């Protein structure tokens, strides 16, 4: 904070104290009660803010400590034991991190992803990421139609993982033997200027691999 700002704050605080004492002299015990309520409320608000910051910091530290553990099973156990500080997004973040290490317990990872995807209180971006990760992790153990149904809502314009969902749907078409449909999907992705450059390059390479011609070809 600059010196002028500090000076203004000091003057403001002095004026506030002068007004408080003047009110006390004028209204007696009523003023004292009001001051107690105001000061108590402000203190409670500040305590809540500090507590929220402290909880968030403790949560982040616990996640980092868990991720630092060398053994996958220990990481998963530690992450699962971390208590989220009352936020659906915090719980979603914890579960997504737990599911990022599926080799330790694939079934547990899928369960964690399903929990995030179904949590209506979590932000859409976390839920969409959980769905995308769930489809990728489940692979062929999940029916093509089920994977397609899970990915379709993610392709709505404006959704964070739309390009990735479109790419995965193209791969589903390949898996189902629908080569032309896959090429059509990939060409649409290649023409999407909102898609990341690397993803568009992959789409072009996949089109060529499937026997089609990319826009550049």
Protein backbone atom coordinates (compact mmCIF):
# COMPACT_ATOMS: atom_id res chain seq x y z
CA UNK A 1 0.00 0.00 0.00
CA UNK A 2 1.35 3.48 -0.85
CA UNK A 3 1.97 6.16 1.78
CA UNK A 4 -0.96 8.36 0.62
CA UNK A 5 -3.30 5.36 0.88
CA UNK A 6 -1.97 4.56 4.33
CA UNK A 7 -2.45 8.17 5.45
CA UNK A 8 -6.03 8.20 4.13
CA UNK A 9 -6.77 4.96 5.97
CA UNK A 10 -5.39 6.40 9.22
CA UNK A 11 -7.49 9.57 8.86
CA UNK A 12 -10.57 7.52 8.03
CA UNK A 13 -10.03 5.34 11.09
CA UNK A 14 -9.56 8.44 13.29
CA UNK A 15 -12.80 9.97 11.98
CA UNK A 16 -14.57 6.68 12.61
CA UNK A 17 -13.38 6.64 16.23
CA UNK A 18 -14.41 10.28 16.77
CA UNK A 19 -17.90 9.55 15.43
CA UNK A 20 -18.13 6.47 17.63
CA UNK A 21 -17.29 8.39 20.83
CA UNK A 22 -19.66 11.20 19.89
CA UNK A 23 -22.45 8.69 19.40
CA UNK A 24 -21.68 7.07 22.75
CA UNK A 25 -21.89 10.41 24.58
CA UNK A 26 -25.18 11.20 22.90
CA UNK A 27 -27.01 7.86 23.09
CA UNK A 28 -25.35 6.14 26.04
CA UNK A 29 -25.98 2.39 26.39
CA UNK A 30 -27.92 2.23 23.10
CA UNK A 31 -24.82 3.43 21.27
CA UNK A 32 -22.67 0.91 23.12
CA UNK A 33 -25.01 -1.90 22.06
CA UNK A 34 -24.98 -0.75 18.42
CA UNK A 35 -21.20 -0.48 18.43
CA UNK A 36 -20.92 -3.96 19.90
CA UNK A 37 -23.18 -5.34 17.19
CA UNK A 38 -21.33 -3.56 14.38
CA UNK A 39 -17.88 -4.44 15.67
CA UNK A 40 -18.97 -8.00 16.39
CA UNK A 41 -20.43 -8.36 12.90
CA UNK A 42 -17.32 -6.96 11.27
CA UNK A 43 -15.13 -9.23 13.34
CA UNK A 44 -17.27 -12.22 12.38
CA UNK A 45 -17.05 -11.31 8.68
CA UNK A 46 -13.30 -10.90 8.85
CA UNK A 47 -12.97 -14.16 10.74
CA UNK A 48 -15.03 -15.93 8.07
CA UNK A 49 -12.82 -14.50 5.30
CA UNK A 50 -9.66 -15.51 7.15
CA UNK A 51 -11.10 -18.94 7.88
CA UNK A 52 -12.00 -19.43 4.20
CA UNK A 53 -8.48 -18.48 3.16
CA UNK A 54 -6.97 -20.75 5.79
CA UNK A 55 -9.22 -23.65 4.79
CA UNK A 56 -8.37 -23.23 1.10
CA UNK A 57 -4.65 -23.10 1.87
CA UNK A 58 -4.86 -26.18 4.10
CA UNK A 59 -6.84 -28.00 1.40
CA UNK A 60 -4.27 -27.15 -1.27
CA UNK A 61 -1.40 -28.19 0.99
CA UNK A 62 -3.10 -31.51 1.73
CA UNK A 63 -3.59 -32.19 -1.98
CA UNK A 64 0.05 -31.40 -2.73
CA UNK A 65 1.23 -33.57 0.15
CA UNK A 66 -0.87 -36.46 -1.18
CA UNK A 67 0.42 -36.03 -4.73
CA UNK A 68 4.01 -36.04 -3.45
CA UNK A 69 3.70 -39.60 -2.13
CA UNK A 70 5.75 -42.04 -4.24
CA UNK A 71 3.40 -45.04 -4.34
CA UNK A 72 0.20 -44.77 -6.45
CA UNK A 73 -1.92 -46.57 -3.85
CA UNK A 74 -0.65 -44.23 -1.14
CA UNK A 75 -1.43 -41.19 -3.30
CA UNK A 76 -4.97 -42.39 -3.90
CA UNK A 77 -5.57 -43.18 -0.24
CA UNK A 78 -4.22 -39.80 0.83
CA UNK A 79 -6.25 -37.89 -1.77
CA UNK A 80 -9.42 -39.74 -0.80
CA UNK A 81 -8.83 -38.80 2.83
CA UNK A 82 -8.52 -35.06 2.12
CA UNK A 83 -11.60 -33.21 3.33
CA UNK A 84 -12.92 -30.60 0.89
CA UNK A 85 -13.66 -27.25 2.64
CA UNK A 86 -17.41 -27.16 2.03
CA UNK A 87 -17.19 -26.48 -1.70
CA UNK A 88 -18.52 -28.76 -4.43
CA UNK A 89 -15.75 -27.53 -6.72
CA UNK A 90 -13.11 -28.37 -4.13
CA UNK A 91 -14.51 -31.89 -3.82
CA UNK A 92 -14.61 -32.18 -7.61
CA UNK A 93 -10.98 -31.09 -7.87
CA UNK A 94 -9.93 -33.65 -5.28
CA UNK A 95 -11.81 -36.45 -7.06
CA UNK A 96 -10.43 -35.45 -10.46
CA UNK A 97 -6.91 -35.58 -9.06
CA UNK A 98 -7.62 -38.99 -7.56
CA UNK A 99 -8.86 -40.19 -10.94
CA UNK A 100 -5.75 -38.86 -12.69
CA UNK A 101 -3.80 -41.82 -11.30
CA UNK A 102 -5.98 -44.72 -12.53
CA UNK A 103 -3.24 -47.36 -12.58
CA UNK A 104 -3.41 -47.51 -8.78
CA UNK A 105 -7.13 -48.38 -8.74
CA UNK A 106 -8.98 -48.08 -12.03
CA UNK A 107 -12.37 -48.92 -10.55
CA UNK A 108 -11.94 -46.26 -7.86
CA UNK A 109 -10.91 -43.73 -10.50
CA UNK A 110 -14.05 -44.42 -12.55
CA UNK A 111 -16.19 -44.15 -9.42
CA UNK A 112 -14.62 -40.79 -8.56
CA UNK A 113 -15.23 -39.51 -12.08
CA UNK A 114 -18.83 -40.67 -12.02
CA UNK A 115 -19.32 -38.86 -8.72
CA UNK A 116 -18.01 -35.58 -10.13
CA UNK A 117 -20.02 -35.90 -13.35
CA UNK A 118 -23.22 -36.43 -11.37
CA UNK A 119 -22.64 -33.58 -8.89
CA UNK A 120 -25.04 -30.83 -9.94
CA UNK A 121 -23.47 -28.43 -7.43
CA UNK A 122 -20.05 -28.61 -9.11
CA UNK A 123 -19.11 -26.21 -11.89
CA UNK A 124 -19.92 -27.39 -15.40
CA UNK A 125 -16.28 -27.36 -16.45
CA UNK A 126 -15.38 -29.92 -13.75
CA UNK A 127 -18.36 -32.10 -14.62
CA UNK A 128 -17.54 -32.01 -18.33
CA UNK A 129 -13.91 -32.89 -17.65
CA UNK A 130 -15.06 -35.81 -15.51
CA UNK A 131 -17.30 -37.11 -18.31
CA UNK A 132 -14.52 -36.81 -20.89
CA UNK A 133 -12.01 -38.53 -18.63
CA UNK A 134 -14.53 -41.24 -17.75
CA UNK A 135 -15.15 -42.06 -21.42
CA UNK A 136 -11.42 -42.20 -22.15
CA UNK A 137 -10.66 -44.35 -19.12
CA UNK A 138 -13.56 -46.75 -19.64
CA UNK A 139 -12.63 -47.31 -23.28
CA UNK A 140 -14.15 -50.36 -24.93
CA UNK A 141 -15.58 -51.56 -21.62
CA UNK A 142 -18.25 -48.91 -22.23
CA UNK A 143 -20.56 -49.40 -25.20
CA UNK A 144 -20.00 -47.09 -28.16
CA UNK A 145 -23.57 -45.83 -27.88
CA UNK A 146 -23.08 -45.05 -24.18
CA UNK A 147 -19.85 -43.20 -24.85
CA UNK A 148 -21.50 -41.25 -27.65
CA UNK A 149 -24.43 -40.34 -25.40
CA UNK A 150 -22.02 -39.14 -22.71
CA UNK A 151 -19.97 -37.03 -25.12
CA UNK A 152 -22.80 -35.45 -27.13
CA UNK A 153 -23.73 -32.82 -24.48
CA UNK A 154 -20.09 -31.71 -24.38
CA UNK A 155 -20.22 -30.75 -28.08
CA UNK A 156 -22.64 -27.87 -27.51
CA UNK A 157 -20.98 -24.59 -28.63
CA UNK A 158 -19.47 -22.80 -25.66
CA UNK A 159 -18.65 -25.90 -23.63
CA UNK A 160 -15.03 -25.94 -22.50
CA UNK A 161 -14.08 -29.33 -23.93
CA UNK A 162 -16.13 -29.23 -27.13
CA UNK A 163 -13.18 -29.79 -29.54
CA UNK A 164 -11.91 -32.76 -27.53
CA UNK A 165 -15.39 -34.25 -27.37
CA UNK A 166 -15.79 -33.87 -31.14
CA UNK A 167 -12.44 -35.59 -31.66
CA UNK A 168 -13.45 -38.50 -29.44
CA UNK A 169 -16.75 -38.87 -31.30
CA UNK A 170 -14.80 -39.09 -34.56
CA UNK A 171 -12.74 -41.90 -33.04
CA UNK A 172 -15.96 -43.64 -32.01
CA UNK A 173 -17.08 -43.52 -35.65
CA UNK A 174 -13.78 -45.16 -36.64
CA UNK A 175 -14.26 -47.81 -33.97
CA UNK A 176 -17.76 -48.49 -35.29
CA UNK A 177 -16.46 -48.82 -38.83
CA UNK A 178 -18.07 -45.59 -40.04
CA UNK A 179 -15.03 -44.20 -41.84
CA UNK A 180 -16.84 -41.59 -43.92
CA UNK A 181 -18.70 -40.27 -40.88
CA UNK A 182 -15.40 -40.05 -39.01
CA UNK A 183 -13.77 -38.12 -41.86
CA UNK A 184 -16.72 -35.72 -41.99
CA UNK A 185 -16.44 -35.16 -38.24
CA UNK A 186 -12.69 -34.63 -38.44
CA UNK A 187 -13.03 -32.16 -41.32
CA UNK A 188 -15.47 -30.12 -39.26
CA UNK A 189 -12.98 -30.17 -36.41
CA UNK A 190 -10.15 -29.19 -38.77
CA UNK A 191 -12.16 -26.16 -39.89
CA UNK A 192 -13.01 -25.10 -36.32
CA UNK A 193 -10.86 -22.04 -35.62
CA UNK A 194 -11.71 -22.31 -31.91
CA UNK A 195 -10.03 -25.71 -31.66
CA UNK A 196 -6.41 -25.84 -30.45
CA UNK A 197 -3.80 -25.99 -33.20
CA UNK A 198 -2.44 -29.34 -32.06
CA UNK A 199 -5.89 -30.89 -32.09
CA UNK A 200 -6.58 -29.60 -35.60
CA UNK A 201 -3.26 -31.02 -36.75
CA UNK A 202 -4.22 -34.41 -35.31
CA UNK A 203 -7.55 -34.20 -37.14
CA UNK A 204 -5.76 -33.55 -40.44
CA UNK A 205 -3.37 -36.45 -39.87
CA UNK A 206 -6.25 -38.76 -38.98
CA UNK A 207 -8.16 -37.78 -42.13
CA UNK A 208 -5.15 -38.74 -44.26
CA UNK A 209 -4.68 -41.99 -42.31
CA UNK A 210 -8.32 -42.86 -43.04
CA UNK A 211 -7.79 -42.34 -46.75
CA UNK A 212 -9.36 -38.92 -47.02
CA UNK A 213 -7.92 -35.55 -47.94
CA UNK A 214 -7.56 -32.71 -45.48
CA UNK A 215 -8.37 -29.15 -46.47
CA UNK A 216 -4.65 -28.55 -46.91
CA UNK A 217 -4.30 -31.64 -49.12
